[in-house]
Amino acid sequence: MTTGAVIFAQNNDTVDYVKLAVFASRRIQKFLDIPVSIITDSRGWLEQSYPDHGFDKIIDAEISNKYYRKRFHDGSLASKTSEWKNLSRTTVYDLTPYDKTLVIDSDYIINSDILRSALNKDEDLQLYRKSLDLAGWRENKQFQRINEFSIPFYWATTFIFKKNNVTESFFSLIKYIKENWDYYTALYNIESILYRNDYAFSIAIHIMNGNQEGYFAQELPGTMVYTTDKDLLIGIDDTKLKFLVEKQNHLGEYIVSTTTRLDVHVMNKISLSRCLDE
């Protein structure tokens, strides 16, 4: 059985996702020692700008004219609206070259080998349900349930799946949910009109569990640790990450926070990109 990782990277005029994916790939290879492939609509940019990228395979993503526009924050006081190409995740079952696949967002920084044990487990699907905001004071109930009275929230940021008939049905279901997103936002009382992989995964897991709590999806080890796009990543030093975390009730003021050997989902992609340039 082959095991590897896959990262999606579709650039827009604000974020060079390919650059983030190259960095994320090197972290995976360093800490987990598995090959990494990229799914991208920017093969030319990758080969021209990052010729020593080190990817196992470059897989071309279908270029779609359909995308949302989203506000990308760079801390509390700066933001820019740009395209948000977030509709390709449903294709990962068909496109992955591996029998067992770790899928991560390009802004998820691997700093440990904690996922190695999950890669050795014989489970159909593993992903995070528990999460921790480094700020500490933000409630972020949106990451607990998809609305206050609805089903549990699961993160599609990082997950591991094994190719078989069960997971093929799961990803087919996610495609169906995406194609009928207006219906499912009404059915599950989702306020956002934007399609979100996290919500689609959460709904599909709920359905696979027979529309109740169940054990179709297993939890990854540890906790999904994240910083929001209102925070700033200001330094990367081997396994250490240094952040300016938004201060409660003080717009534009921050508290320094440092992590060591902790995998972190850095939602402020602009500050991550800036750190990589520096």
C-alpha atoms as a PDB file:
ATOM      1  CA  MET A   1       0.000   0.000   0.000  1.00  0.00           C
ATOM      2  CA  THR A   2       1.407   3.384  -1.023  1.00  0.00           C
ATOM      3  CA  THR A   3       1.236   6.295   1.408  1.00  0.00           C
ATOM      4  CA  GLY A   4       1.751   9.957   0.601  1.00  0.00           C
ATOM      5  CA  ALA A   5       0.464  13.491   1.059  1.00  0.00           C
ATOM      6  CA  VAL A   6      -1.448  15.803  -1.256  1.00  0.00           C
ATOM      7  CA  ILE A   7      -1.635  19.609  -1.135  1.00  0.00           C
ATOM      8  CA  PHE A   8      -3.978  21.764  -3.209  1.00  0.00           C
ATOM      9  CA  ALA A   9      -2.563  25.064  -4.497  1.00  0.00           C
ATOM     10  CA  GLN A  10      -4.560  27.428  -6.705  1.00  0.00           C
ATOM     11  CA  ASN A  11      -3.123  30.938  -6.818  1.00  0.00           C
ATOM     12  CA  ASN A  12      -5.016  34.208  -6.739  1.00  0.00           C
ATOM     13  CA  ASP A  13      -3.854  37.816  -6.936  1.00  0.00           C
ATOM     14  CA  THR A  14      -3.325  38.005  -3.165  1.00  0.00           C
ATOM     15  CA  VAL A  15      -1.731  34.700  -2.154  1.00  0.00           C
ATOM     16  CA  ASP A  16       0.886  32.536  -3.866  1.00  0.00           C
ATOM     17  CA  TYR A  17      -0.526  29.216  -2.688  1.00  0.00           C
ATOM     18  CA  VAL A  18       2.107  27.361  -4.696  1.00  0.00           C
ATOM     19  CA  LYS A  19       4.852  28.960  -2.582  1.00  0.00           C
ATOM     20  CA  LEU A  20       3.007  27.957   0.598  1.00  0.00           C
ATOM     21  CA  ALA A  21       2.587  24.409  -0.747  1.00  0.00           C
ATOM     22  CA  VAL A  22       6.316  24.059  -1.502  1.00  0.00           C
ATOM     23  CA  PHE A  23       7.114  25.027   2.090  1.00  0.00           C
ATOM     24  CA  ALA A  24       4.385  22.760   3.526  1.00  0.00           C
ATOM     25  CA  SER A  25       5.685  19.881   1.416  1.00  0.00           C
ATOM     26  CA  ARG A  26       9.199  20.214   2.789  1.00  0.00           C
ATOM     27  CA  ARG A  27       7.820  20.140   6.342  1.00  0.00           C
ATOM     28  CA  ILE A  28       5.900  16.942   5.610  1.00  0.00           C
ATOM     29  CA  GLN A  29       8.952  15.268   4.121  1.00  0.00           C
ATOM     30  CA  LYS A  30      11.092  16.355   7.079  1.00  0.00           C
ATOM     31  CA  PHE A  31       8.782  15.235   9.892  1.00  0.00           C
ATOM     32  CA  LEU A  32       6.677  12.469   8.342  1.00  0.00           C
ATOM     33  CA  ASP A  33       9.061  11.120   5.692  1.00  0.00           C
ATOM     34  CA  ILE A  34       6.431  10.491   3.011  1.00  0.00           C
ATOM     35  CA  PRO A  35       6.245  11.694  -0.621  1.00  0.00           C
ATOM     36  CA  VAL A  36       4.115  14.738  -1.398  1.00  0.00           C
ATOM     37  CA  SER A  37       2.182  15.579  -4.555  1.00  0.00           C
ATOM     38  CA  ILE A  38       0.634  18.910  -5.498  1.00  0.00           C
ATOM     39  CA  ILE A  39      -2.721  19.471  -7.206  1.00  0.00           C
ATOM     40  CA  THR A  40      -2.571  22.839  -8.915  1.00  0.00           C
ATOM     41  CA  ASP A  41      -3.780  24.959 -11.806  1.00  0.00           C
ATOM     42  CA  SER A  42      -0.407  26.753 -11.828  1.00  0.00           C
ATOM     43  CA  ARG A  43       2.046  24.138 -13.120  1.00  0.00           C
ATOM     44  CA  GLY A  44       3.949  26.713 -15.163  1.00  0.00           C
ATOM     45  CA  TRP A  45       4.373  29.042 -12.181  1.00  0.00           C
ATOM     46  CA  LEU A  46       5.553  26.135 -10.006  1.00  0.00           C
ATOM     47  CA  GLU A  47       8.141  24.897 -12.506  1.00  0.00           C
ATOM     48  CA  GLN A  48       9.388  28.387 -13.326  1.00  0.00           C
ATOM     49  CA  SER A  49       9.498  29.877  -9.824  1.00  0.00           C
ATOM     50  CA  TYR A  50      10.301  26.805  -7.719  1.00  0.00           C
ATOM     51  CA  PRO A  51      12.306  24.417  -9.910  1.00  0.00           C
ATOM     52  CA  ASP A  52      13.647  22.555  -6.838  1.00  0.00           C
ATOM     53  CA  HIS A  53      10.133  22.068  -5.431  1.00  0.00           C
ATOM     54  CA  GLY A  54      10.663  18.393  -4.577  1.00  0.00           C
ATOM     55  CA  PHE A  55       7.112  17.222  -5.290  1.00  0.00           C
ATOM     56  CA  ASP A  56       6.617  13.544  -6.065  1.00  0.00           C
ATOM     57  CA  LYS A  57       3.997  14.342  -8.717  1.00  0.00           C
ATOM     58  CA  ILE A  58       2.432  17.487 -10.179  1.00  0.00           C
ATOM     59  CA  ILE A  59      -1.268  16.886 -10.812  1.00  0.00           C
ATOM     60  CA  ASP A  60      -3.121  19.411 -12.935  1.00  0.00           C
ATOM     61  CA  ALA A  61      -6.349  20.714 -11.418  1.00  0.00           C
ATOM     62  CA  GLU A  62      -9.214  21.569 -13.695  1.00  0.00           C
ATOM     63  CA  ILE A  63      -9.343  25.330 -14.184  1.00  0.00           C
ATOM     64  CA  SER A  64     -12.824  26.569 -13.336  1.00  0.00           C
ATOM     65  CA  ASN A  65     -14.304  30.010 -13.865  1.00  0.00           C
ATOM     66  CA  LYS A  66     -16.487  29.457 -10.806  1.00  0.00           C
ATOM     67  CA  TYR A  67     -15.079  30.798  -7.576  1.00  0.00           C
ATOM     68  CA  TYR A  68     -16.107  32.953  -4.649  1.00  0.00           C
ATOM     69  CA  ARG A  69     -14.654  36.271  -3.544  1.00  0.00           C
ATOM     70  CA  LYS A  70     -13.430  36.475   0.013  1.00  0.00           C
ATOM     71  CA  ARG A  71     -11.864  39.072   2.282  1.00  0.00           C
ATOM     72  CA  PHE A  72      -8.320  38.054   3.233  1.00  0.00           C
ATOM     73  CA  HIS A  73      -7.267  39.703   6.498  1.00  0.00           C
ATOM     74  CA  ASP A  74      -3.673  40.474   7.381  1.00  0.00           C
ATOM     75  CA  GLY A  75      -4.129  41.168  11.065  1.00  0.00           C
ATOM     76  CA  SER A  76      -6.880  43.297  12.604  1.00  0.00           C
ATOM     77  CA  LEU A  77      -6.360  46.416  10.511  1.00  0.00           C
ATOM     78  CA  ALA A  78      -5.571  45.300   6.949  1.00  0.00           C
ATOM     79  CA  SER A  79      -7.494  43.231   4.411  1.00  0.00           C
ATOM     80  CA  LYS A  80      -7.970  42.642   0.712  1.00  0.00           C
ATOM     81  CA  THR A  81     -10.768  41.020  -1.271  1.00  0.00           C
ATOM     82  CA  SER A  82      -9.712  38.390  -3.791  1.00  0.00           C
ATOM     83  CA  GLU A  83     -10.759  35.146  -5.468  1.00  0.00           C
ATOM     84  CA  TRP A  84     -11.183  32.139  -3.226  1.00  0.00           C
ATOM     85  CA  LYS A  85     -10.724  28.978  -5.268  1.00  0.00           C
ATOM     86  CA  ASN A  86     -12.069  26.440  -2.836  1.00  0.00           C
ATOM     87  CA  LEU A  87     -14.052  23.993  -4.940  1.00  0.00           C
ATOM     88  CA  SER A  88     -11.486  21.317  -5.865  1.00  0.00           C
ATOM     89  CA  ARG A  89     -11.183  19.380  -2.600  1.00  0.00           C
ATOM     90  CA  THR A  90     -13.955  16.975  -3.630  1.00  0.00           C
ATOM     91  CA  THR A  91     -11.722  15.638  -6.422  1.00  0.00           C
ATOM     92  CA  VAL A  92      -8.990  14.358  -4.105  1.00  0.00           C
ATOM     93  CA  TYR A  93     -10.246  10.767  -4.102  1.00  0.00           C
ATOM     94  CA  ASP A  94      -9.957  10.598  -7.898  1.00  0.00           C
ATOM     95  CA  LEU A  95      -6.695  12.524  -8.181  1.00  0.00           C
ATOM     96  CA  THR A  96      -4.522  11.196  -5.364  1.00  0.00           C
ATOM     97  CA  PRO A  97      -1.809   8.798  -6.591  1.00  0.00           C
ATOM     98  CA  TYR A  98      -1.657   7.053  -3.190  1.00  0.00           C
ATOM     99  CA  ASP A  99      -3.645   4.273  -1.499  1.00  0.00           C
ATOM    100  CA  LYS A 100      -3.532   6.156   1.803  1.00  0.00           C
ATOM    101  CA  THR A 101      -3.424   9.938   1.609  1.00  0.00           C
ATOM    102  CA  LEU A 102      -2.724  12.762   4.019  1.00  0.00           C
ATOM    103  CA  VAL A 103      -4.420  15.924   2.744  1.00  0.00           C
ATOM    104  CA  ILE A 104      -3.428  19.276   4.227  1.00  0.00           C
ATOM    105  CA  ASP A 105      -4.097  22.899   3.416  1.00  0.00           C
ATOM    106  CA  SER A 106      -1.045  24.791   2.231  1.00  0.00           C
ATOM    107  CA  ASP A 107      -1.279  27.042   5.312  1.00  0.00           C
ATOM    108  CA  TYR A 108      -1.025  24.118   7.737  1.00  0.00           C
ATOM    109  CA  ILE A 109       2.528  24.049   9.101  1.00  0.00           C
ATOM    110  CA  ILE A 110       3.821  20.661  10.209  1.00  0.00           C
ATOM    111  CA  ASN A 111       6.266  21.002  13.114  1.00  0.00           C
ATOM    112  CA  SER A 112       6.134  17.501  14.602  1.00  0.00           C
ATOM    113  CA  ASP A 113       5.721  13.824  13.769  1.00  0.00           C
ATOM    114  CA  ILE A 114       2.386  13.476  15.621  1.00  0.00           C
ATOM    115  CA  LEU A 115       0.558  12.456  12.425  1.00  0.00           C
ATOM    116  CA  ARG A 116       2.952   9.569  11.812  1.00  0.00           C
ATOM    117  CA  SER A 117       0.967   7.310  14.156  1.00  0.00           C
ATOM    118  CA  ALA A 118      -2.261   8.135  12.306  1.00  0.00           C
ATOM    119  CA  LEU A 119      -0.669   7.169   8.993  1.00  0.00           C
ATOM    120  CA  ASN A 120       0.031   3.740  10.452  1.00  0.00           C
ATOM    121  CA  LYS A 121      -3.577   3.171  11.525  1.00  0.00           C
ATOM    122  CA  ASP A 122      -5.989   1.087   9.448  1.00  0.00           C
ATOM    123  CA  GLU A 123      -8.882   3.587   9.422  1.00  0.00           C
ATOM    124  CA  ASP A 124     -11.055   4.742   6.519  1.00  0.00           C
ATOM    125  CA  LEU A 125     -11.105   8.433   7.478  1.00  0.00           C
ATOM    126  CA  GLN A 126      -9.339  10.449  10.181  1.00  0.00           C
ATOM    127  CA  LEU A 127      -9.687  14.177  10.784  1.00  0.00           C
ATOM    128  CA  TYR A 128      -9.848  16.750  13.572  1.00  0.00           C
ATOM    129  CA  ARG A 129     -12.922  17.643  15.595  1.00  0.00           C
ATOM    130  CA  LYS A 130     -11.307  19.233  18.673  1.00  0.00           C
ATOM    131  CA  SER A 131      -9.557  22.566  18.148  1.00  0.00           C
ATOM    132  CA  LEU A 132      -7.672  25.250  20.047  1.00  0.00           C
ATOM    133  CA  ASP A 133      -7.340  28.945  19.221  1.00  0.00           C
ATOM    134  CA  LEU A 134      -3.942  30.286  20.326  1.00  0.00           C
ATOM    135  CA  ALA A 135      -5.591  33.583  21.300  1.00  0.00           C
ATOM    136  CA  GLY A 136      -7.380  31.839  24.142  1.00  0.00           C
ATOM    137  CA  TRP A 137     -10.148  34.432  24.549  1.00  0.00           C
ATOM    138  CA  ARG A 138     -12.105  33.941  21.305  1.00  0.00           C
ATOM    139  CA  GLU A 139     -15.063  31.557  21.676  1.00  0.00           C
ATOM    140  CA  ASN A 140     -15.347  30.598  17.977  1.00  0.00           C
ATOM    141  CA  LYS A 141     -18.418  28.418  18.435  1.00  0.00           C
ATOM    142  CA  GLN A 142     -18.431  28.084  14.642  1.00  0.00           C
ATOM    143  CA  PHE A 143     -15.666  25.494  15.020  1.00  0.00           C
ATOM    144  CA  GLN A 144     -17.665  23.372  17.461  1.00  0.00           C
ATOM    145  CA  ARG A 145     -20.939  22.996  15.533  1.00  0.00           C
ATOM    146  CA  ILE A 146     -21.916  24.269  12.093  1.00  0.00           C
ATOM    147  CA  ASN A 147     -24.522  26.322  13.918  1.00  0.00           C
ATOM    148  CA  GLU A 148     -25.501  26.621  17.561  1.00  0.00           C
ATOM    149  CA  PHE A 149     -28.145  23.887  17.428  1.00  0.00           C
ATOM    150  CA  SER A 150     -26.810  21.727  14.621  1.00  0.00           C
ATOM    151  CA  ILE A 151     -24.330  18.936  13.937  1.00  0.00           C
ATOM    152  CA  PRO A 152     -20.670  18.689  15.060  1.00  0.00           C
ATOM    153  CA  PHE A 153     -18.038  20.598  13.107  1.00  0.00           C
ATOM    154  CA  TYR A 154     -15.155  18.677  11.530  1.00  0.00           C
ATOM    155  CA  TRP A 155     -12.044  20.279  10.032  1.00  0.00           C
ATOM    156  CA  ALA A 156     -11.274  19.552   6.382  1.00  0.00           C
ATOM    157  CA  THR A 157      -7.943  21.372   6.811  1.00  0.00           C
ATOM    158  CA  THR A 158      -6.090  18.154   7.575  1.00  0.00           C
ATOM    159  CA  PHE A 159      -7.326  14.611   7.096  1.00  0.00           C
ATOM    160  CA  ILE A 160      -6.180  11.105   6.214  1.00  0.00           C
ATOM    161  CA  PHE A 161      -8.202   8.661   4.154  1.00  0.00           C
ATOM    162  CA  LYS A 162      -7.753   5.205   2.690  1.00  0.00           C
ATOM    163  CA  LYS A 163      -9.050   4.456  -0.796  1.00  0.00           C
ATOM    164  CA  ASN A 164     -11.853   1.870  -0.681  1.00  0.00           C
ATOM    165  CA  ASN A 165     -15.558   1.570  -1.462  1.00  0.00           C
ATOM    166  CA  VAL A 166     -16.555   3.324   1.754  1.00  0.00           C
ATOM    167  CA  THR A 167     -14.465   6.460   1.244  1.00  0.00           C
ATOM    168  CA  GLU A 168     -15.371   6.520  -2.451  1.00  0.00           C
ATOM    169  CA  SER A 169     -19.022   6.774  -1.367  1.00  0.00           C
ATOM    170  CA  PHE A 170     -18.086   9.470   1.139  1.00  0.00           C
ATOM    171  CA  PHE A 171     -16.407  11.691  -1.456  1.00  0.00           C
ATOM    172  CA  SER A 172     -19.233  11.079  -3.933  1.00  0.00           C
ATOM    173  CA  LEU A 173     -21.593  12.324  -1.239  1.00  0.00           C
ATOM    174  CA  ILE A 174     -19.490  15.451  -0.702  1.00  0.00           C
ATOM    175  CA  LYS A 175     -19.656  16.160  -4.451  1.00  0.00           C
ATOM    176  CA  TYR A 176     -23.446  15.845  -4.286  1.00  0.00           C
ATOM    177  CA  ILE A 177     -23.584  18.221  -1.308  1.00  0.00           C
ATOM    178  CA  LYS A 178     -21.439  20.764  -3.170  1.00  0.00           C
ATOM    179  CA  GLU A 179     -23.639  20.565  -6.264  1.00  0.00           C
ATOM    180  CA  ASN A 180     -26.738  21.140  -4.116  1.00  0.00           C
ATOM    181  CA  TRP A 181     -25.228  23.619  -1.693  1.00  0.00           C
ATOM    182  CA  ASP A 182     -28.254  25.950  -1.553  1.00  0.00           C
ATOM    183  CA  TYR A 183     -30.433  23.058  -0.406  1.00  0.00           C
ATOM    184  CA  TYR A 184     -28.007  21.923   2.301  1.00  0.00           C
ATOM    185  CA  THR A 185     -27.424  25.437   3.649  1.00  0.00           C
ATOM    186  CA  ALA A 186     -31.187  25.696   4.152  1.00  0.00           C
ATOM    187  CA  LEU A 187     -31.521  22.175   5.561  1.00  0.00           C
ATOM    188  CA  TYR A 188     -28.733  22.643   8.119  1.00  0.00           C
ATOM    189  CA  ASN A 189     -29.443  26.347   8.723  1.00  0.00           C
ATOM    190  CA  ILE A 190     -25.989  27.474   7.595  1.00  0.00           C
ATOM    191  CA  GLU A 191     -25.714  31.257   7.539  1.00  0.00           C
ATOM    192  CA  SER A 192     -22.794  31.542   5.104  1.00  0.00           C
ATOM    193  CA  ILE A 193     -23.638  31.350   1.407  1.00  0.00           C
ATOM    194  CA  LEU A 194     -20.015  30.458   0.628  1.00  0.00           C
ATOM    195  CA  TYR A 195     -19.310  26.794   0.024  1.00  0.00           C
ATOM    196  CA  ARG A 196     -16.989  25.521   2.750  1.00  0.00           C
ATOM    197  CA  ASN A 197     -15.210  22.189   2.737  1.00  0.00           C
ATOM    198  CA  ASP A 198     -15.472  21.973   6.536  1.00  0.00           C
ATOM    199  CA  TYR A 199     -19.259  22.229   6.405  1.00  0.00           C
ATOM    200  CA  ALA A 200     -19.586  19.787   3.513  1.00  0.00           C
ATOM    201  CA  PHE A 201     -17.389  17.245   5.308  1.00  0.00           C
ATOM    202  CA  SER A 202     -19.361  17.699   8.537  1.00  0.00           C
ATOM    203  CA  ILE A 203     -22.677  17.150   6.734  1.00  0.00           C
ATOM    204  CA  ALA A 204     -21.366  14.098   4.857  1.00  0.00           C
ATOM    205  CA  ILE A 205     -20.043  12.559   8.080  1.00  0.00           C
ATOM    206  CA  HIS A 206     -23.424  13.148   9.732  1.00  0.00           C
ATOM    207  CA  ILE A 207     -25.169  11.382   6.852  1.00  0.00           C
ATOM    208  CA  MET A 208     -22.657   8.501   6.815  1.00  0.00           C
ATOM    209  CA  ASN A 209     -23.382   8.076  10.531  1.00  0.00           C
ATOM    210  CA  GLY A 210     -27.089   7.593   9.780  1.00  0.00           C
ATOM    211  CA  ASN A 211     -27.974  11.211  10.608  1.00  0.00           C
ATOM    212  CA  GLN A 212     -26.825  10.846  14.202  1.00  0.00           C
ATOM    213  CA  GLU A 213     -23.636  10.810  16.286  1.00  0.00           C
ATOM    214  CA  GLY A 214     -21.451   7.893  15.200  1.00  0.00           C
ATOM    215  CA  TYR A 215     -18.004   6.550  14.515  1.00  0.00           C
ATOM    216  CA  PHE A 216     -17.629   6.742  10.746  1.00  0.00           C
ATOM    217  CA  ALA A 217     -14.820   9.297  11.097  1.00  0.00           C
ATOM    218  CA  GLN A 218     -12.012   8.799  13.594  1.00  0.00           C
ATOM    219  CA  GLU A 219     -10.203  11.718  15.218  1.00  0.00           C
ATOM    220  CA  LEU A 220      -6.586  12.498  14.433  1.00  0.00           C
ATOM    221  CA  PRO A 221      -4.167  12.529  17.380  1.00  0.00           C
ATOM    222  CA  GLY A 222      -3.855  15.767  19.299  1.00  0.00           C
ATOM    223  CA  THR A 223      -5.852  18.908  18.570  1.00  0.00           C
ATOM    224  CA  MET A 224      -6.291  21.245  15.619  1.00  0.00           C
ATOM    225  CA  VAL A 225      -4.319  24.296  16.777  1.00  0.00           C
ATOM    226  CA  TYR A 226      -4.941  27.465  14.801  1.00  0.00           C
ATOM    227  CA  THR A 227      -4.489  31.205  14.604  1.00  0.00           C
ATOM    228  CA  THR A 228      -7.058  33.314  12.762  1.00  0.00           C
ATOM    229  CA  ASP A 229      -6.371  35.816  10.011  1.00  0.00           C
ATOM    230  CA  LYS A 230      -6.655  38.576  12.633  1.00  0.00           C
ATOM    231  CA  ASP A 231      -3.334  37.305  14.035  1.00  0.00           C
ATOM    232  CA  LEU A 232       0.115  37.690  12.471  1.00  0.00           C
ATOM    233  CA  LEU A 233       2.853  35.108  11.967  1.00  0.00           C
ATOM    234  CA  ILE A 234       6.126  36.995  12.388  1.00  0.00           C
ATOM    235  CA  GLY A 235       8.780  34.288  12.590  1.00  0.00           C
ATOM    236  CA  ILE A 236       9.632  30.706  11.633  1.00  0.00           C
ATOM    237  CA  ASP A 237      12.700  29.130  13.212  1.00  0.00           C
ATOM    238  CA  ASP A 238      12.937  25.390  12.629  1.00  0.00           C
ATOM    239  CA  THR A 239      10.185  24.003  14.898  1.00  0.00           C
ATOM    240  CA  LYS A 240       9.353  27.359  16.501  1.00  0.00           C
ATOM    241  CA  LEU A 241       6.608  29.677  15.269  1.00  0.00           C
ATOM    242  CA  LYS A 242       6.258  33.227  16.615  1.00  0.00           C
ATOM    243  CA  PHE A 243       2.920  35.042  16.406  1.00  0.00           C
ATOM    244  CA  LEU A 244       1.366  38.366  17.264  1.00  0.00           C
ATOM    245  CA  VAL A 245      -2.033  37.242  18.563  1.00  0.00           C
ATOM    246  CA  GLU A 246      -4.957  39.662  18.542  1.00  0.00           C
ATOM    247  CA  LYS A 247      -5.515  41.269  21.950  1.00  0.00           C
ATOM    248  CA  GLN A 248      -9.009  41.128  23.408  1.00  0.00           C
ATOM    249  CA  ASN A 249     -10.968  44.406  23.123  1.00  0.00           C
ATOM    250  CA  HIS A 250      -7.945  46.293  21.774  1.00  0.00           C
ATOM    251  CA  LEU A 251      -8.153  46.673  18.000  1.00  0.00           C
ATOM    252  CA  GLY A 252      -4.755  46.566  16.344  1.00  0.00           C
ATOM    253  CA  GLU A 253      -2.924  45.500  19.513  1.00  0.00           C
ATOM    254  CA  TYR A 254      -1.299  42.093  19.924  1.00  0.00           C
ATOM    255  CA  ILE A 255       0.305  39.710  22.391  1.00  0.00           C
ATOM    256  CA  VAL A 256       3.402  37.700  21.450  1.00  0.00           C
ATOM    257  CA  SER A 257       2.844  33.931  21.416  1.00  0.00           C
ATOM    258  CA  THR A 258       5.408  31.258  20.529  1.00  0.00           C
ATOM    259  CA  THR A 259       4.859  27.582  19.764  1.00  0.00           C
ATOM    260  CA  THR A 260       7.443  24.805  19.642  1.00  0.00           C
ATOM    261  CA  ARG A 261       6.991  21.409  17.943  1.00  0.00           C
ATOM    262  CA  LEU A 262       3.306  22.105  17.438  1.00  0.00           C
ATOM    263  CA  ASP A 263       1.466  21.753  14.120  1.00  0.00           C
ATOM    264  CA  VAL A 264      -0.444  24.988  13.504  1.00  0.00           C
ATOM    265  CA  HIS A 265      -3.104  26.055  11.001  1.00  0.00           C
ATOM    266  CA  VAL A 266      -2.073  29.626  10.081  1.00  0.00           C
ATOM    267  CA  MET A 267      -5.171  31.260   8.615  1.00  0.00           C
ATOM    268  CA  ASN A 268      -3.351  34.512   7.868  1.00  0.00           C
ATOM    269  CA  LYS A 269      -1.836  33.332   4.612  1.00  0.00           C
ATOM    270  CA  ILE A 270      -0.499  36.798   3.789  1.00  0.00           C
ATOM    271  CA  SER A 271       1.677  36.900   6.909  1.00  0.00           C
ATOM    272  CA  LEU A 272       2.793  33.296   6.281  1.00  0.00           C
ATOM    273  CA  SER A 273       3.843  34.234   2.750  1.00  0.00           C
ATOM    274  CA  ARG A 274       5.702  37.282   4.068  1.00  0.00           C
ATOM    275  CA  CYS A 275       7.613  35.122   6.564  1.00  0.00           C
ATOM    276  CA  LEU A 276       8.652  32.738   3.815  1.00  0.00           C
ATOM    277  CA  ASP A 277       9.971  35.642   1.746  1.00  0.00           C
ATOM    278  CA  GLU A 278      11.987  36.895   4.681  1.00  0.00           C
END
